[in-house]
Amino acid sequence: MNHILYATDKNYCEVCAVSLYSLLKNFSGKALIHII
């Protein structure tokens, strides 16, 4: 299994969500997402 990792807090959550969305909408594989 491959893994994707972000680290964020409530002040940066929306920016993190945009990044995650841009990744997953183009992503052809399967990965477990971890967010610290």
PDB file of all heavy atoms in Angstrom:
ATOM      1  N   MET A   1       0.841  -1.206   0.000  1.00  0.00           N
ATOM      2  CA  MET A   1       0.000   0.000   0.000  1.00  0.00           C
ATOM      3  C   MET A   1       0.874   1.253   0.000  1.00  0.00           C
ATOM      4  O   MET A   1       1.841   1.339   0.754  1.00  0.00           O
ATOM      5  CB  MET A   1      -0.910  -0.005   1.239  1.00  0.00           C
ATOM      6  CG  MET A   1      -1.669   1.299   1.482  1.00  0.00           C
ATOM      7  SD  MET A   1      -2.887   1.706   0.204  1.00  0.00           S
ATOM      8  CE  MET A   1      -4.192   0.561   0.637  1.00  0.00           C
ATOM      9  N   ASN A   2       0.546   2.203  -0.842  1.00  0.00           N
ATOM     10  CA  ASN A   2       1.214   3.486  -0.850  1.00  0.00           C
ATOM     11  C   ASN A   2       0.421   4.493  -0.019  1.00  0.00           C
ATOM     12  O   ASN A   2      -0.780   4.320   0.209  1.00  0.00           O
ATOM     13  CB  ASN A   2       1.377   3.998  -2.284  1.00  0.00           C
ATOM     14  CG  ASN A   2       2.372   3.156  -3.063  1.00  0.00           C
ATOM     15  OD1 ASN A   2       3.434   2.805  -2.555  1.00  0.00           O
ATOM     16  ND2 ASN A   2       2.035   2.810  -4.297  1.00  0.00           N
ATOM     17  N   HIS A   3       1.093   5.542   0.404  1.00  0.00           N
ATOM     18  CA  HIS A   3       0.486   6.474   1.355  1.00  0.00           C
ATOM     19  C   HIS A   3       0.736   7.916   0.925  1.00  0.00           C
ATOM     20  O   HIS A   3       1.792   8.244   0.375  1.00  0.00           O
ATOM     21  CB  HIS A   3       1.083   6.252   2.748  1.00  0.00           C
ATOM     22  CG  HIS A   3       0.978   4.841   3.235  1.00  0.00           C
ATOM     23  ND1 HIS A   3      -0.033   4.400   4.058  1.00  0.00           N
ATOM     24  CD2 HIS A   3       1.768   3.758   2.994  1.00  0.00           C
ATOM     25  CE1 HIS A   3       0.134   3.115   4.306  1.00  0.00           C
ATOM     26  NE2 HIS A   3       1.209   2.702   3.674  1.00  0.00           N
ATOM     27  N   ILE A   4      -0.235   8.774   1.211  1.00  0.00           N
ATOM     28  CA  ILE A   4      -0.129  10.211   0.958  1.00  0.00           C
ATOM     29  C   ILE A   4      -0.238  10.908   2.303  1.00  0.00           C
ATOM     30  O   ILE A   4      -1.089  10.560   3.127  1.00  0.00           O
ATOM     31  CB  ILE A   4      -1.236  10.700   0.009  1.00  0.00           C
ATOM     32  CG1 ILE A   4      -1.032  10.098  -1.389  1.00  0.00           C
ATOM     33  CG2 ILE A   4      -1.250  12.226  -0.072  1.00  0.00           C
ATOM     34  CD1 ILE A   4      -2.238  10.226  -2.296  1.00  0.00           C
ATOM     35  N   LEU A   5       0.621  11.887   2.532  1.00  0.00           N
ATOM     36  CA  LEU A   5       0.660  12.550   3.829  1.00  0.00           C
ATOM     37  C   LEU A   5       0.593  14.067   3.695  1.00  0.00           C
ATOM     38  O   LEU A   5       1.286  14.666   2.875  1.00  0.00           O
ATOM     39  CB  LEU A   5       1.964  12.171   4.552  1.00  0.00           C
ATOM     40  CG  LEU A   5       2.280  12.918   5.859  1.00  0.00           C
ATOM     41  CD1 LEU A   5       1.260  12.550   6.946  1.00  0.00           C
ATOM     42  CD2 LEU A   5       3.699  12.615   6.327  1.00  0.00           C
ATOM     43  N   TYR A   6      -0.271  14.672   4.526  1.00  0.00           N
ATOM     44  CA  TYR A   6      -0.302  16.114   4.725  1.00  0.00           C
ATOM     45  C   TYR A   6      -0.216  16.375   6.225  1.00  0.00           C
ATOM     46  O   TYR A   6      -0.500  15.484   7.042  1.00  0.00           O
ATOM     47  CB  TYR A   6      -1.617  16.724   4.219  1.00  0.00           C
ATOM     48  CG  TYR A   6      -1.764  16.839   2.729  1.00  0.00           C
ATOM     49  CD1 TYR A   6      -2.393  15.832   1.991  1.00  0.00           C
ATOM     50  CD2 TYR A   6      -1.332  17.969   2.040  1.00  0.00           C
ATOM     51  CE1 TYR A   6      -2.559  15.937   0.617  1.00  0.00           C
ATOM     52  CE2 TYR A   6      -1.499  18.090   0.657  1.00  0.00           C
ATOM     53  CZ  TYR A   6      -2.110  17.075  -0.040  1.00  0.00           C
ATOM     54  OH  TYR A   6      -2.276  17.190  -1.399  1.00  0.00           O
ATOM     55  N   ALA A   7       0.121  17.603   6.588  1.00  0.00           N
ATOM     56  CA  ALA A   7       0.062  18.044   7.983  1.00  0.00           C
ATOM     57  C   ALA A   7      -0.566  19.431   7.971  1.00  0.00           C
ATOM     58  O   ALA A   7      -0.131  20.313   7.221  1.00  0.00           O
ATOM     59  CB  ALA A   7       1.446  18.091   8.618  1.00  0.00           C
ATOM     60  N   THR A   8      -1.613  19.638   8.787  1.00  0.00           N
ATOM     61  CA  THR A   8      -2.301  20.926   8.747  1.00  0.00           C
ATOM     62  C   THR A   8      -2.980  21.229  10.067  1.00  0.00           C
ATOM     63  O   THR A   8      -3.144  20.353  10.922  1.00  0.00           O
ATOM     64  CB  THR A   8      -3.334  20.943   7.599  1.00  0.00           C
ATOM     65  OG1 THR A   8      -3.835  22.275   7.427  1.00  0.00           O
ATOM     66  CG2 THR A   8      -4.498  20.007   7.881  1.00  0.00           C
ATOM     67  N   ASP A   9      -3.387  22.486  10.208  1.00  0.00           N
ATOM     68  CA  ASP A   9      -4.201  22.895  11.343  1.00  0.00           C
ATOM     69  C   ASP A   9      -5.442  23.596  10.802  1.00  0.00           C
ATOM     70  O   ASP A   9      -5.637  23.685   9.580  1.00  0.00           O
ATOM     71  CB  ASP A   9      -3.416  23.800  12.301  1.00  0.00           C
ATOM     72  CG  ASP A   9      -2.906  25.072  11.621  1.00  0.00           C
ATOM     73  OD1 ASP A   9      -3.461  25.473  10.572  1.00  0.00           O
ATOM     74  OD2 ASP A   9      -1.937  25.661  12.132  1.00  0.00           O
ATOM     75  N   LYS A  10      -6.296  24.091  11.698  1.00  0.00           N
ATOM     76  CA  LYS A  10      -7.577  24.647  11.252  1.00  0.00           C
ATOM     77  C   LYS A  10      -7.393  25.905  10.398  1.00  0.00           C
ATOM     78  O   LYS A  10      -8.249  26.230   9.569  1.00  0.00           O
ATOM     79  CB  LYS A  10      -8.478  24.943  12.449  1.00  0.00           C
ATOM     80  CG  LYS A  10      -7.956  25.999  13.404  1.00  0.00           C
ATOM     81  CD  LYS A  10      -8.937  26.182  14.563  1.00  0.00           C
ATOM     82  CE  LYS A  10      -8.429  27.224  15.553  1.00  0.00           C
ATOM     83  NZ  LYS A  10      -9.365  27.384  16.690  1.00  0.00           N
ATOM     84  N   ASN A  11      -6.298  26.635  10.567  1.00  0.00           N
ATOM     85  CA  ASN A  11      -6.081  27.853   9.798  1.00  0.00           C
ATOM     86  C   ASN A  11      -5.713  27.578   8.344  1.00  0.00           C
ATOM     87  O   ASN A  11      -5.881  28.434   7.487  1.00  0.00           O
ATOM     88  CB  ASN A  11      -4.982  28.694  10.456  1.00  0.00           C
ATOM     89  CG  ASN A  11      -5.358  29.172  11.837  1.00  0.00           C
ATOM     90  OD1 ASN A  11      -6.496  29.594  12.065  1.00  0.00           O
ATOM     91  ND2 ASN A  11      -4.426  29.093  12.771  1.00  0.00           N
ATOM     92  N   TYR A  12      -5.191  26.395   8.080  1.00  0.00           N
ATOM     93  CA  TYR A  12      -4.734  26.055   6.735  1.00  0.00           C
ATOM     94  C   TYR A  12      -5.558  24.930   6.120  1.00  0.00           C
ATOM     95  O   TYR A  12      -5.220  24.431   5.062  1.00  0.00           O
ATOM     96  CB  TYR A  12      -3.255  25.659   6.789  1.00  0.00           C
ATOM     97  CG  TYR A  12      -2.362  26.446   5.859  1.00  0.00           C
ATOM     98  CD1 TYR A  12      -2.302  27.833   5.927  1.00  0.00           C
ATOM     99  CD2 TYR A  12      -1.600  25.810   4.884  1.00  0.00           C
ATOM    100  CE1 TYR A  12      -1.481  28.554   5.083  1.00  0.00           C
ATOM    101  CE2 TYR A  12      -0.775  26.524   4.032  1.00  0.00           C
ATOM    102  CZ  TYR A  12      -0.720  27.896   4.141  1.00  0.00           C
ATOM    103  OH  TYR A  12       0.082  28.618   3.298  1.00  0.00           O
ATOM    104  N   CYS A  13      -6.641  24.563   6.778  1.00  0.00           N
ATOM    105  CA  CYS A  13      -7.406  23.386   6.351  1.00  0.00           C
ATOM    106  C   CYS A  13      -7.976  23.532   4.943  1.00  0.00           C
ATOM    107  O   CYS A  13      -7.939  22.590   4.154  1.00  0.00           O
ATOM    108  CB  CYS A  13      -8.521  23.110   7.355  1.00  0.00           C
ATOM    109  SG  CYS A  13      -9.437  21.599   6.991  1.00  0.00           S
ATOM    110  N   GLU A  14      -8.526  24.709   4.607  1.00  0.00           N
ATOM    111  CA  GLU A  14      -9.117  24.902   3.280  1.00  0.00           C
ATOM    112  C   GLU A  14      -8.062  24.789   2.180  1.00  0.00           C
ATOM    113  O   GLU A  14      -8.306  24.215   1.125  1.00  0.00           O
ATOM    114  CB  GLU A  14      -9.821  26.266   3.182  1.00  0.00           C
ATOM    115  CG  GLU A  14     -10.998  26.422   4.111  1.00  0.00           C
ATOM    116  CD  GLU A  14     -10.579  26.869   5.492  1.00  0.00           C
ATOM    117  OE1 GLU A  14      -9.715  27.743   5.615  1.00  0.00           O
ATOM    118  OE2 GLU A  14     -11.109  26.309   6.473  1.00  0.00           O
ATOM    119  N   VAL A  15      -6.885  25.355   2.441  1.00  0.00           N
ATOM    120  CA  VAL A  15      -5.799  25.271   1.464  1.00  0.00           C
ATOM    121  C   VAL A  15      -5.376  23.814   1.290  1.00  0.00           C
ATOM    122  O   VAL A  15      -5.117  23.347   0.175  1.00  0.00           O
ATOM    123  CB  VAL A  15      -4.610  26.141   1.911  1.00  0.00           C
ATOM    124  CG1 VAL A  15      -3.444  26.017   0.939  1.00  0.00           C
ATOM    125  CG2 VAL A  15      -5.038  27.600   2.023  1.00  0.00           C
ATOM    126  N   CYS A  16      -5.327  23.086   2.392  1.00  0.00           N
ATOM    127  CA  CYS A  16      -4.995  21.656   2.338  1.00  0.00           C
ATOM    128  C   CYS A  16      -6.050  20.892   1.539  1.00  0.00           C
ATOM    129  O   CYS A  16      -5.726  20.003   0.750  1.00  0.00           O
ATOM    130  CB  CYS A  16      -4.885  21.104   3.759  1.00  0.00           C
ATOM    131  SG  CYS A  16      -4.404  19.366   3.847  1.00  0.00           S
ATOM    132  N   ALA A  17      -7.324  21.252   1.738  1.00  0.00           N
ATOM    133  CA  ALA A  17      -8.412  20.574   1.025  1.00  0.00           C
ATOM    134  C   ALA A  17      -8.303  20.790  -0.482  1.00  0.00           C
ATOM    135  O   ALA A  17      -8.535  19.867  -1.273  1.00  0.00           O
ATOM    136  CB  ALA A  17      -9.766  21.082   1.532  1.00  0.00           C
ATOM    137  N   VAL A  18      -7.929  21.998  -0.902  1.00  0.00           N
ATOM    138  CA  VAL A  18      -7.753  22.279  -2.327  1.00  0.00           C
ATOM    139  C   VAL A  18      -6.613  21.440  -2.890  1.00  0.00           C
ATOM    140  O   VAL A  18      -6.716  20.861  -3.973  1.00  0.00           O
ATOM    141  CB  VAL A  18      -7.492  23.783  -2.559  1.00  0.00           C
ATOM    142  CG1 VAL A  18      -7.104  24.042  -4.014  1.00  0.00           C
ATOM    143  CG2 VAL A  18      -8.715  24.605  -2.188  1.00  0.00           C
ATOM    144  N   SER A  19      -5.523  21.348  -2.153  1.00  0.00           N
ATOM    145  CA  SER A  19      -4.392  20.542  -2.605  1.00  0.00           C
ATOM    146  C   SER A  19      -4.779  19.073  -2.726  1.00  0.00           C
ATOM    147  O   SER A  19      -4.474  18.414  -3.732  1.00  0.00           O
ATOM    148  CB  SER A  19      -3.217  20.700  -1.633  1.00  0.00           C
ATOM    149  OG  SER A  19      -2.107  19.950  -2.068  1.00  0.00           O
ATOM    150  N   LEU A  20      -5.457  18.564  -1.717  1.00  0.00           N
ATOM    151  CA  LEU A  20      -5.882  17.158  -1.742  1.00  0.00           C
ATOM    152  C   LEU A  20      -6.836  16.898  -2.897  1.00  0.00           C
ATOM    153  O   LEU A  20      -6.731  15.875  -3.587  1.00  0.00           O
ATOM    154  CB  LEU A  20      -6.538  16.802  -0.409  1.00  0.00           C
ATOM    155  CG  LEU A  20      -7.038  15.365  -0.270  1.00  0.00           C
ATOM    156  CD1 LEU A  20      -5.901  14.356  -0.394  1.00  0.00           C
ATOM    157  CD2 LEU A  20      -7.770  15.181   1.073  1.00  0.00           C
ATOM    158  N   TYR A  21      -7.755  17.817  -3.127  1.00  0.00           N
ATOM    159  CA  TYR A  21      -8.702  17.679  -4.231  1.00  0.00           C
ATOM    160  C   TYR A  21      -7.964  17.638  -5.578  1.00  0.00           C
ATOM    161  O   TYR A  21      -8.250  16.807  -6.444  1.00  0.00           O
ATOM    162  CB  TYR A  21      -9.693  18.844  -4.204  1.00  0.00           C
ATOM    163  CG  TYR A  21     -10.669  18.867  -5.360  1.00  0.00           C
ATOM    164  CD1 TYR A  21     -11.767  18.012  -5.390  1.00  0.00           C
ATOM    165  CD2 TYR A  21     -10.494  19.750  -6.421  1.00  0.00           C
ATOM    166  CE1 TYR A  21     -12.662  18.034  -6.455  1.00  0.00           C
ATOM    167  CE2 TYR A  21     -11.378  19.788  -7.485  1.00  0.00           C
ATOM    168  CZ  TYR A  21     -12.457  18.923  -7.498  1.00  0.00           C
ATOM    169  OH  TYR A  21     -13.338  18.944  -8.563  1.00  0.00           O
ATOM    170  N   SER A  22      -6.978  18.545  -5.755  1.00  0.00           N
ATOM    171  CA  SER A  22      -6.235  18.582  -7.015  1.00  0.00           C
ATOM    172  C   SER A  22      -5.455  17.292  -7.221  1.00  0.00           C
ATOM    173  O   SER A  22      -5.297  16.823  -8.351  1.00  0.00           O
ATOM    174  CB  SER A  22      -5.291  19.788  -7.048  1.00  0.00           C
ATOM    175  OG  SER A  22      -4.187  19.617  -6.169  1.00  0.00           O
ATOM    176  N   LEU A  23      -4.970  16.708  -6.150  1.00  0.00           N
ATOM    177  CA  LEU A  23      -4.228  15.452  -6.253  1.00  0.00           C
ATOM    178  C   LEU A  23      -5.157  14.304  -6.644  1.00  0.00           C
ATOM    179  O   LEU A  23      -4.890  13.566  -7.588  1.00  0.00           O
ATOM    180  CB  LEU A  23      -3.534  15.146  -4.929  1.00  0.00           C
ATOM    181  CG  LEU A  23      -2.642  13.899  -4.908  1.00  0.00           C
ATOM    182  CD1 LEU A  23      -1.480  14.100  -3.948  1.00  0.00           C
ATOM    183  CD2 LEU A  23      -3.402  12.647  -4.494  1.00  0.00           C
ATOM    184  N   LEU A  24      -6.257  14.160  -5.888  1.00  0.00           N
ATOM    185  CA  LEU A  24      -7.124  12.995  -6.080  1.00  0.00           C
ATOM    186  C   LEU A  24      -7.887  13.033  -7.396  1.00  0.00           C
ATOM    187  O   LEU A  24      -8.167  11.978  -7.981  1.00  0.00           O
ATOM    188  CB  LEU A  24      -8.091  12.873  -4.900  1.00  0.00           C
ATOM    189  CG  LEU A  24      -7.436  12.531  -3.550  1.00  0.00           C
ATOM    190  CD1 LEU A  24      -8.505  12.437  -2.452  1.00  0.00           C
ATOM    191  CD2 LEU A  24      -6.657  11.227  -3.637  1.00  0.00           C
ATOM    192  N   LYS A  25      -8.202  14.202  -7.891  1.00  0.00           N
ATOM    193  CA  LYS A  25      -8.958  14.252  -9.149  1.00  0.00           C
ATOM    194  C   LYS A  25      -8.097  13.831 -10.338  1.00  0.00           C
ATOM    195  O   LYS A  25      -8.615  13.504 -11.402  1.00  0.00           O
ATOM    196  CB  LYS A  25      -9.575  15.634  -9.374  1.00  0.00           C
ATOM    197  CG  LYS A  25      -8.656  16.687  -9.914  1.00  0.00           C
ATOM    198  CD  LYS A  25      -9.460  17.934 -10.288  1.00  0.00           C
ATOM    199  CE  LYS A  25      -8.610  18.947 -11.013  1.00  0.00           C
ATOM    200  NZ  LYS A  25      -9.408  20.090 -11.504  1.00  0.00           N
ATOM    201  N   ASN A  26      -6.775  13.843 -10.136  1.00  0.00           N
ATOM    202  CA  ASN A  26      -5.855  13.410 -11.189  1.00  0.00           C
ATOM    203  C   ASN A  26      -5.214  12.056 -10.896  1.00  0.00           C
ATOM    204  O   ASN A  26      -4.420  11.569 -11.699  1.00  0.00           O
ATOM    205  CB  ASN A  26      -4.731  14.445 -11.347  1.00  0.00           C
ATOM    206  CG  ASN A  26      -5.205  15.763 -11.898  1.00  0.00           C
ATOM    207  OD1 ASN A  26      -5.705  15.826 -13.020  1.00  0.00           O
ATOM    208  ND2 ASN A  26      -5.062  16.825 -11.128  1.00  0.00           N
ATOM    209  N   PHE A  27      -5.554  11.451  -9.773  1.00  0.00           N
ATOM    210  CA  PHE A  27      -4.812  10.291  -9.271  1.00  0.00           C
ATOM    211  C   PHE A  27      -5.393   8.982  -9.790  1.00  0.00           C
ATOM    212  O   PHE A  27      -6.590   8.725  -9.655  1.00  0.00           O
ATOM    213  CB  PHE A  27      -4.843  10.304  -7.736  1.00  0.00           C
ATOM    214  CG  PHE A  27      -3.832   9.399  -7.084  1.00  0.00           C
ATOM    215  CD1 PHE A  27      -2.480   9.622  -7.239  1.00  0.00           C
ATOM    216  CD2 PHE A  27      -4.244   8.333  -6.309  1.00  0.00           C
ATOM    217  CE1 PHE A  27      -1.539   8.808  -6.631  1.00  0.00           C
ATOM    218  CE2 PHE A  27      -3.321   7.506  -5.689  1.00  0.00           C
ATOM    219  CZ  PHE A  27      -1.966   7.742  -5.848  1.00  0.00           C
ATOM    220  N   SER A  28      -4.542   8.133 -10.376  1.00  0.00           N
ATOM    221  CA  SER A  28      -5.014   6.877 -10.966  1.00  0.00           C
ATOM    222  C   SER A  28      -4.821   5.686 -10.036  1.00  0.00           C
ATOM    223  O   SER A  28      -5.314   4.597 -10.316  1.00  0.00           O
ATOM    224  CB  SER A  28      -4.271   6.606 -12.281  1.00  0.00           C
ATOM    225  OG  SER A  28      -2.878   6.437 -12.038  1.00  0.00           O
ATOM    226  N   GLY A  29      -4.090   5.875  -8.944  1.00  0.00           N
ATOM    227  CA  GLY A  29      -3.781   4.760  -8.064  1.00  0.00           C
ATOM    228  C   GLY A  29      -4.676   4.706  -6.841  1.00  0.00           C
ATOM    229  O   GLY A  29      -5.675   5.419  -6.730  1.00  0.00           O
ATOM    230  N   LYS A  30      -4.312   3.838  -5.930  1.00  0.00           N
ATOM    231  CA  LYS A  30      -5.009   3.709  -4.666  1.00  0.00           C
ATOM    232  C   LYS A  30      -4.003   3.962  -3.559  1.00  0.00           C
ATOM    233  O   LYS A  30      -2.913   3.394  -3.552  1.00  0.00           O
ATOM    234  CB  LYS A  30      -5.590   2.297  -4.513  1.00  0.00           C
ATOM    235  CG  LYS A  30      -6.387   2.080  -3.227  1.00  0.00           C
ATOM    236  CD  LYS A  30      -7.715   2.820  -3.263  1.00  0.00           C
ATOM    237  CE  LYS A  30      -8.539   2.516  -2.004  1.00  0.00           C
ATOM    238  NZ  LYS A  30      -9.795   3.287  -1.965  1.00  0.00           N
ATOM    239  N   ALA A  31      -4.353   4.840  -2.657  1.00  0.00           N
ATOM    240  CA  ALA A  31      -3.433   5.161  -1.568  1.00  0.00           C
ATOM    241  C   ALA A  31      -4.229   5.531  -0.327  1.00  0.00           C
ATOM    242  O   ALA A  31      -5.346   6.044  -0.418  1.00  0.00           O
ATOM    243  CB  ALA A  31      -2.516   6.316  -1.965  1.00  0.00           C
ATOM    244  N   LEU A  32      -3.649   5.259   0.807  1.00  0.00           N
ATOM    245  CA  LEU A  32      -4.251   5.669   2.067  1.00  0.00           C
ATOM    246  C   LEU A  32      -3.736   7.067   2.395  1.00  0.00           C
ATOM    247  O   LEU A  32      -2.534   7.324   2.358  1.00  0.00           O
ATOM    248  CB  LEU A  32      -3.876   4.691   3.186  1.00  0.00           C
ATOM    249  CG  LEU A  32      -4.407   5.022   4.588  1.00  0.00           C
ATOM    250  CD1 LEU A  32      -5.927   5.108   4.594  1.00  0.00           C
ATOM    251  CD2 LEU A  32      -3.924   3.987   5.592  1.00  0.00           C
ATOM    252  N   ILE A  33      -4.658   7.960   2.714  1.00  0.00           N
ATOM    253  CA  ILE A  33      -4.304   9.342   3.010  1.00  0.00           C
ATOM    254  C   ILE A  33      -4.158   9.507   4.516  1.00  0.00           C
ATOM    255  O   ILE A  33      -5.039   9.121   5.287  1.00  0.00           O
ATOM    256  CB  ILE A  33      -5.386  10.305   2.489  1.00  0.00           C
ATOM    257  CG1 ILE A  33      -5.571  10.128   0.980  1.00  0.00           C
ATOM    258  CG2 ILE A  33      -5.019  11.753   2.811  1.00  0.00           C
ATOM    259  CD1 ILE A  33      -6.898  10.604   0.473  1.00  0.00           C
ATOM    260  N   HIS A  34      -3.040  10.087   4.928  1.00  0.00           N
ATOM    261  CA  HIS A  34      -2.801  10.389   6.333  1.00  0.00           C
ATOM    262  C   HIS A  34      -2.726  11.902   6.490  1.00  0.00           C
ATOM    263  O   HIS A  34      -2.073  12.580   5.687  1.00  0.00           O
ATOM    264  CB  HIS A  34      -1.485   9.777   6.813  1.00  0.00           C
ATOM    265  CG  HIS A  34      -1.381   8.304   6.587  1.00  0.00           C
ATOM    266  ND1 HIS A  34      -1.818   7.363   7.501  1.00  0.00           N
ATOM    267  CD2 HIS A  34      -0.895   7.604   5.535  1.00  0.00           C
ATOM    268  CE1 HIS A  34      -1.591   6.155   7.025  1.00  0.00           C
ATOM    269  NE2 HIS A  34      -1.036   6.272   5.827  1.00  0.00           N
ATOM    270  N   ILE A  35      -3.375  12.425   7.507  1.00  0.00           N
ATOM    271  CA  ILE A  35      -3.284  13.849   7.794  1.00  0.00           C
ATOM    272  C   ILE A  35      -2.932  14.020   9.264  1.00  0.00           C
ATOM    273  O   ILE A  35      -3.699  13.616  10.146  1.00  0.00           O
ATOM    274  CB  ILE A  35      -4.587  14.589   7.452  1.00  0.00           C
ATOM    275  CG1 ILE A  35      -4.836  14.515   5.939  1.00  0.00           C
ATOM    276  CG2 ILE A  35      -4.511  16.042   7.921  1.00  0.00           C
ATOM    277  CD1 ILE A  35      -6.060  15.208   5.458  1.00  0.00           C
ATOM    278  N   ILE A  36      -1.745  14.572   9.507  1.00  0.00           N
ATOM    279  CA  ILE A  36      -1.351  14.902  10.878  1.00  0.00           C
ATOM    280  C   ILE A  36      -2.018  16.234  11.196  1.00  0.00           C
ATOM    281  O   ILE A  36      -1.723  17.254  10.568  1.00  0.00           O
ATOM    282  CB  ILE A  36       0.177  14.992  11.019  1.00  0.00           C
ATOM    283  CG1 ILE A  36       0.819  13.653  10.624  1.00  0.00           C
ATOM    284  CG2 ILE A  36       0.560  15.364  12.446  1.00  0.00           C
ATOM    285  CD1 ILE A  36       2.333  13.661  10.638  1.00  0.00           C
TER     286      ILE A  36
END
